[in-house]
Amino acid sequence: MLKLIIEVIIGIMWVVAGAYMAKNNKNSKSSASNKSNKNVQTIFSMMMRKITTISLRMKEIVL
């Protein structure tokens, strides 16, 4: 049961991540805005890697 809950939470996080990236992936005209978007994307991808690592560790504990 705990494994199922963890899987659902991870799935929801990935859906939110995909929606966020799709929303912020628009082309903008200013270079400052593009640089800011790249920084946000870098931070976001680092955060998602961390979430994935944590979720894998949680799965190992449950199993």
PDB file of N, CA and C in Angstrom:
ATOM      1  N   MET A   1       0.830  -1.200   0.000  1.00  0.00           N
ATOM      2  CA  MET A   1       0.000   0.000   0.000  1.00  0.00           C
ATOM      3  C   MET A   1       0.871   1.259   0.000  1.00  0.00           C
ATOM      4  N   LEU A   2       1.917   1.244   0.816  1.00  0.00           N
ATOM      5  CA  LEU A   2       2.819   2.393   0.873  1.00  0.00           C
ATOM      6  C   LEU A   2       3.516   2.606  -0.465  1.00  0.00           C
ATOM      7  N   LYS A   3       3.882   1.493  -1.121  1.00  0.00           N
ATOM      8  CA  LYS A   3       4.519   1.581  -2.433  1.00  0.00           C
ATOM      9  C   LYS A   3       3.588   2.257  -3.435  1.00  0.00           C
ATOM     10  N   LEU A   4       2.314   1.909  -3.410  1.00  0.00           N
ATOM     11  CA  LEU A   4       1.335   2.510  -4.317  1.00  0.00           C
ATOM     12  C   LEU A   4       1.213   4.010  -4.065  1.00  0.00           C
ATOM     13  N   ILE A   5       1.175   4.405  -2.812  1.00  0.00           N
ATOM     14  CA  ILE A   5       1.078   5.828  -2.466  1.00  0.00           C
ATOM     15  C   ILE A   5       2.301   6.580  -2.969  1.00  0.00           C
ATOM     16  N   ILE A   6       3.487   5.992  -2.796  1.00  0.00           N
ATOM     17  CA  ILE A   6       4.716   6.631  -3.272  1.00  0.00           C
ATOM     18  C   ILE A   6       4.683   6.778  -4.784  1.00  0.00           C
ATOM     19  N   GLU A   7       4.249   5.735  -5.495  1.00  0.00           N
ATOM     20  CA  GLU A   7       4.165   5.789  -6.958  1.00  0.00           C
ATOM     21  C   GLU A   7       3.201   6.881  -7.418  1.00  0.00           C
ATOM     22  N   VAL A   8       2.073   7.014  -6.763  1.00  0.00           N
ATOM     23  CA  VAL A   8       1.095   8.046  -7.125  1.00  0.00           C
ATOM     24  C   VAL A   8       1.681   9.432  -6.896  1.00  0.00           C
ATOM     25  N   ILE A   9       2.354   9.633  -5.777  1.00  0.00           N
ATOM     26  CA  ILE A   9       2.960  10.936  -5.487  1.00  0.00           C
ATOM     27  C   ILE A   9       4.020  11.277  -6.527  1.00  0.00           C
ATOM     28  N   ILE A  10       4.852  10.315  -6.890  1.00  0.00           N
ATOM     29  CA  ILE A  10       5.883  10.550  -7.905  1.00  0.00           C
ATOM     30  C   ILE A  10       5.240  10.886  -9.247  1.00  0.00           C
ATOM     31  N   GLY A  11       4.195  10.165  -9.613  1.00  0.00           N
ATOM     32  CA  GLY A  11       3.496  10.444 -10.868  1.00  0.00           C
ATOM     33  C   GLY A  11       2.911  11.841 -10.900  1.00  0.00           C
ATOM     34  N   ILE A  12       2.320  12.260  -9.803  1.00  0.00           N
ATOM     35  CA  ILE A  12       1.756  13.613  -9.727  1.00  0.00           C
ATOM     36  C   ILE A  12       2.858  14.653  -9.857  1.00  0.00           C
ATOM     37  N   MET A  13       4.006  14.409  -9.209  1.00  0.00           N
ATOM     38  CA  MET A  13       5.122  15.358  -9.312  1.00  0.00           C
ATOM     39  C   MET A  13       5.597  15.498 -10.750  1.00  0.00           C
ATOM     40  N   TRP A  14       5.679  14.382 -11.491  1.00  0.00           N
ATOM     41  CA  TRP A  14       6.128  14.446 -12.873  1.00  0.00           C
ATOM     42  C   TRP A  14       5.105  15.153 -13.768  1.00  0.00           C
ATOM     43  N   VAL A  15       3.829  14.954 -13.504  1.00  0.00           N
ATOM     44  CA  VAL A  15       2.799  15.655 -14.283  1.00  0.00           C
ATOM     45  C   VAL A  15       2.892  17.155 -14.045  1.00  0.00           C
ATOM     46  N   VAL A  16       3.053  17.546 -12.791  1.00  0.00           N
ATOM     47  CA  VAL A  16       3.194  18.970 -12.466  1.00  0.00           C
ATOM     48  C   VAL A  16       4.453  19.528 -13.117  1.00  0.00           C
ATOM     49  N   ALA A  17       5.536  18.762 -13.083  1.00  0.00           N
ATOM     50  CA  ALA A  17       6.791  19.208 -13.695  1.00  0.00           C
ATOM     51  C   ALA A  17       6.618  19.408 -15.196  1.00  0.00           C
ATOM     52  N   GLY A  18       5.962  18.466 -15.852  1.00  0.00           N
ATOM     53  CA  GLY A  18       5.737  18.588 -17.289  1.00  0.00           C
ATOM     54  C   GLY A  18       4.873  19.786 -17.640  1.00  0.00           C
ATOM     55  N   ALA A  19       3.835  20.019 -16.864  1.00  0.00           N
ATOM     56  CA  ALA A  19       2.966  21.171 -17.112  1.00  0.00           C
ATOM     57  C   ALA A  19       3.722  22.473 -16.900  1.00  0.00           C
ATOM     58  N   TYR A  20       4.543  22.515 -15.864  1.00  0.00           N
ATOM     59  CA  TYR A  20       5.324  23.719 -15.571  1.00  0.00           C
ATOM     60  C   TYR A  20       6.313  24.007 -16.697  1.00  0.00           C
ATOM     61  N   MET A  21       7.008  22.965 -17.168  1.00  0.00           N
ATOM     62  CA  MET A  21       7.990  23.159 -18.232  1.00  0.00           C
ATOM     63  C   MET A  21       7.302  23.557 -19.537  1.00  0.00           C
ATOM     64  N   ALA A  22       6.156  22.980 -19.839  1.00  0.00           N
ATOM     65  CA  ALA A  22       5.437  23.337 -21.058  1.00  0.00           C
ATOM     66  C   ALA A  22       4.975  24.784 -21.001  1.00  0.00           C
ATOM     67  N   LYS A  23       4.552  25.221 -19.840  1.00  0.00           N
ATOM     68  CA  LYS A  23       4.085  26.595 -19.677  1.00  0.00           C
ATOM     69  C   LYS A  23       5.236  27.588 -19.817  1.00  0.00           C
ATOM     70  N   ASN A  24       6.398  27.263 -19.274  1.00  0.00           N
ATOM     71  CA  ASN A  24       7.530  28.187 -19.278  1.00  0.00           C
ATOM     72  C   ASN A  24       8.464  27.996 -20.458  1.00  0.00           C
ATOM     73  N   ASN A  25       8.100  27.187 -21.426  1.00  0.00           N
ATOM     74  CA  ASN A  25       8.979  26.911 -22.554  1.00  0.00           C
ATOM     75  C   ASN A  25       8.672  27.807 -23.756  1.00  0.00           C
ATOM     76  N   LYS A  26       7.952  28.882 -23.540  1.00  0.00           N
ATOM     77  CA  LYS A  26       7.593  29.790 -24.621  1.00  0.00           C
ATOM     78  C   LYS A  26       8.803  30.626 -25.027  1.00  0.00           C
ATOM     79  N   ASN A  27       8.855  30.996 -26.305  1.00  0.00           N
ATOM     80  CA  ASN A  27       9.932  31.868 -26.776  1.00  0.00           C
ATOM     81  C   ASN A  27       9.628  33.298 -26.362  1.00  0.00           C
ATOM     82  N   SER A  28      10.612  33.941 -25.788  1.00  0.00           N
ATOM     83  CA  SER A  28      10.439  35.341 -25.419  1.00  0.00           C
ATOM     84  C   SER A  28      11.451  36.181 -26.178  1.00  0.00           C
ATOM     85  N   LYS A  29      11.190  37.460 -26.261  1.00  0.00           N
ATOM     86  CA  LYS A  29      11.997  38.326 -27.111  1.00  0.00           C
ATOM     87  C   LYS A  29      13.251  38.854 -26.421  1.00  0.00           C
ATOM     88  N   SER A  30      13.223  39.053 -25.140  1.00  0.00           N
ATOM     89  CA  SER A  30      14.379  39.648 -24.472  1.00  0.00           C
ATOM     90  C   SER A  30      15.383  38.583 -24.057  1.00  0.00           C
ATOM     91  N   SER A  31      16.659  38.920 -24.173  1.00  0.00           N
ATOM     92  CA  SER A  31      17.701  37.963 -23.806  1.00  0.00           C
ATOM     93  C   SER A  31      17.755  37.762 -22.294  1.00  0.00           C
ATOM     94  N   ALA A  32      17.421  38.793 -21.530  1.00  0.00           N
ATOM     95  CA  ALA A  32      17.409  38.656 -20.071  1.00  0.00           C
ATOM     96  C   ALA A  32      16.345  37.651 -19.648  1.00  0.00           C
ATOM     97  N   SER A  33      15.218  37.705 -20.310  1.00  0.00           N
ATOM     98  CA  SER A  33      14.143  36.763 -20.005  1.00  0.00           C
ATOM     99  C   SER A  33      14.552  35.342 -20.382  1.00  0.00           C
ATOM    100  N   ASN A  34      15.237  35.191 -21.525  1.00  0.00           N
ATOM    101  CA  ASN A  34      15.706  33.864 -21.931  1.00  0.00           C
ATOM    102  C   ASN A  34      16.697  33.306 -20.925  1.00  0.00           C
ATOM    103  N   LYS A  35      17.596  34.162 -20.446  1.00  0.00           N
ATOM    104  CA  LYS A  35      18.581  33.717 -19.457  1.00  0.00           C
ATOM    105  C   LYS A  35      17.885  33.297 -18.168  1.00  0.00           C
ATOM    106  N   SER A  36      16.887  34.072 -17.767  1.00  0.00           N
ATOM    107  CA  SER A  36      16.133  33.743 -16.560  1.00  0.00           C
ATOM    108  C   SER A  36      15.407  32.412 -16.722  1.00  0.00           C
ATOM    109  N   ASN A  37      14.811  32.193 -17.898  1.00  0.00           N
ATOM    110  CA  ASN A  37      14.109  30.930 -18.153  1.00  0.00           C
ATOM    111  C   ASN A  37      15.064  29.746 -18.106  1.00  0.00           C
ATOM    112  N   LYS A  38      16.272  29.930 -18.648  1.00  0.00           N
ATOM    113  CA  LYS A  38      17.258  28.845 -18.618  1.00  0.00           C
ATOM    114  C   LYS A  38      17.664  28.539 -17.186  1.00  0.00           C
ATOM    115  N   ASN A  39      17.827  29.575 -16.359  1.00  0.00           N
ATOM    116  CA  ASN A  39      18.170  29.358 -14.956  1.00  0.00           C
ATOM    117  C   ASN A  39      17.064  28.598 -14.242  1.00  0.00           C
ATOM    118  N   VAL A  40      15.827  28.979 -14.505  1.00  0.00           N
ATOM    119  CA  VAL A  40      14.686  28.299 -13.882  1.00  0.00           C
ATOM    120  C   VAL A  40      14.641  26.842 -14.327  1.00  0.00           C
ATOM    121  N   GLN A  41      14.864  26.595 -15.605  1.00  0.00           N
ATOM    122  CA  GLN A  41      14.839  25.225 -16.111  1.00  0.00           C
ATOM    123  C   GLN A  41      15.954  24.388 -15.498  1.00  0.00           C
ATOM    124  N   THR A  42      17.138  24.983 -15.335  1.00  0.00           N
ATOM    125  CA  THR A  42      18.256  24.261 -14.726  1.00  0.00           C
ATOM    126  C   THR A  42      17.941  23.900 -13.285  1.00  0.00           C
ATOM    127  N   ILE A  43      17.442  24.854 -12.532  1.00  0.00           N
ATOM    128  CA  ILE A  43      17.093  24.605 -11.134  1.00  0.00           C
ATOM    129  C   ILE A  43      15.991  23.558 -11.050  1.00  0.00           C
ATOM    130  N   PHE A  44      15.013  23.667 -11.944  1.00  0.00           N
ATOM    131  CA  PHE A  44      13.892  22.735 -11.931  1.00  0.00           C
ATOM    132  C   PHE A  44      14.350  21.315 -12.256  1.00  0.00           C
ATOM    133  N   SER A  45      15.249  21.176 -13.240  1.00  0.00           N
ATOM    134  CA  SER A  45      15.727  19.835 -13.586  1.00  0.00           C
ATOM    135  C   SER A  45      16.557  19.244 -12.453  1.00  0.00           C
ATOM    136  N   MET A  46      17.332  20.077 -11.760  1.00  0.00           N
ATOM    137  CA  MET A  46      18.091  19.601 -10.602  1.00  0.00           C
ATOM    138  C   MET A  46      17.142  19.131  -9.503  1.00  0.00           C
ATOM    139  N   MET A  47      16.069  19.882  -9.296  1.00  0.00           N
ATOM    140  CA  MET A  47      15.085  19.523  -8.279  1.00  0.00           C
ATOM    141  C   MET A  47      14.407  18.192  -8.631  1.00  0.00           C
ATOM    142  N   MET A  48      14.070  17.991  -9.903  1.00  0.00           N
ATOM    143  CA  MET A  48      13.411  16.756 -10.309  1.00  0.00           C
ATOM    144  C   MET A  48      14.352  15.560 -10.173  1.00  0.00           C
ATOM    145  N   ARG A  49      15.656  15.763 -10.450  1.00  0.00           N
ATOM    146  CA  ARG A  49      16.619  14.684 -10.244  1.00  0.00           C
ATOM    147  C   ARG A  49      16.682  14.290  -8.777  1.00  0.00           C
ATOM    148  N   LYS A  50      16.649  15.303  -7.910  1.00  0.00           N
ATOM    149  CA  LYS A  50      16.688  15.045  -6.470  1.00  0.00           C
ATOM    150  C   LYS A  50      15.435  14.289  -6.036  1.00  0.00           C
ATOM    151  N   ILE A  51      14.274  14.695  -6.554  1.00  0.00           N
ATOM    152  CA  ILE A  51      13.022  14.006  -6.220  1.00  0.00           C
ATOM    153  C   ILE A  51      13.085  12.551  -6.672  1.00  0.00           C
ATOM    154  N   THR A  52      13.625  12.315  -7.864  1.00  0.00           N
ATOM    155  CA  THR A  52      13.743  10.952  -8.371  1.00  0.00           C
ATOM    156  C   THR A  52      14.656  10.119  -7.481  1.00  0.00           C
ATOM    157  N   THR A  53      15.781  10.702  -7.076  1.00  0.00           N
ATOM    158  CA  THR A  53      16.711   9.991  -6.196  1.00  0.00           C
ATOM    159  C   THR A  53      16.052   9.637  -4.874  1.00  0.00           C
ATOM    160  N   ILE A  54      15.354  10.591  -4.297  1.00  0.00           N
ATOM    161  CA  ILE A  54      14.670  10.348  -3.021  1.00  0.00           C
ATOM    162  C   ILE A  54      13.606   9.271  -3.183  1.00  0.00           C
ATOM    163  N   SER A  55      12.855   9.335  -4.280  1.00  0.00           N
ATOM    164  CA  SER A  55      11.796   8.344  -4.484  1.00  0.00           C
ATOM    165  C   SER A  55      12.373   6.944  -4.663  1.00  0.00           C
ATOM    166  N   LEU A  56      13.515   6.830  -5.348  1.00  0.00           N
ATOM    167  CA  LEU A  56      14.144   5.519  -5.500  1.00  0.00           C
ATOM    168  C   LEU A  56      14.605   4.978  -4.150  1.00  0.00           C
ATOM    169  N   ARG A  57      15.130   5.842  -3.312  1.00  0.00           N
ATOM    170  CA  ARG A  57      15.541   5.413  -1.972  1.00  0.00           C
ATOM    171  C   ARG A  57      14.333   4.965  -1.156  1.00  0.00           C
ATOM    172  N   MET A  58      13.217   5.693  -1.291  1.00  0.00           N
ATOM    173  CA  MET A  58      12.008   5.316  -0.561  1.00  0.00           C
ATOM    174  C   MET A  58      11.512   3.946  -1.020  1.00  0.00           C
ATOM    175  N   LYS A  59      11.588   3.684  -2.325  1.00  0.00           N
ATOM    176  CA  LYS A  59      11.167   2.383  -2.847  1.00  0.00           C
ATOM    177  C   LYS A  59      12.028   1.269  -2.267  1.00  0.00           C
ATOM    178  N   GLU A  60      13.345   1.511  -2.179  1.00  0.00           N
ATOM    179  CA  GLU A  60      14.245   0.496  -1.622  1.00  0.00           C
ATOM    180  C   GLU A  60      13.890   0.196  -0.171  1.00  0.00           C
ATOM    181  N   ILE A  61      13.534   1.226   0.577  1.00  0.00           N
ATOM    182  CA  ILE A  61      13.174   1.038   1.984  1.00  0.00           C
ATOM    183  C   ILE A  61      11.892   0.220   2.091  1.00  0.00           C
ATOM    184  N   VAL A  62      10.916   0.531   1.230  1.00  0.00           N
ATOM    185  CA  VAL A  62       9.629  -0.162   1.279  1.00  0.00           C
ATOM    186  C   VAL A  62       9.788  -1.620   0.870  1.00  0.00           C
ATOM    187  N   LEU A  63      10.609  -1.847  -0.144  1.00  0.00           N
ATOM    188  CA  LEU A  63      10.784  -3.229  -0.620  1.00  0.00           C
ATOM    189  C   LEU A  63      11.685  -3.962   0.340  1.00  0.00           C
TER     190      LEU A  63
END
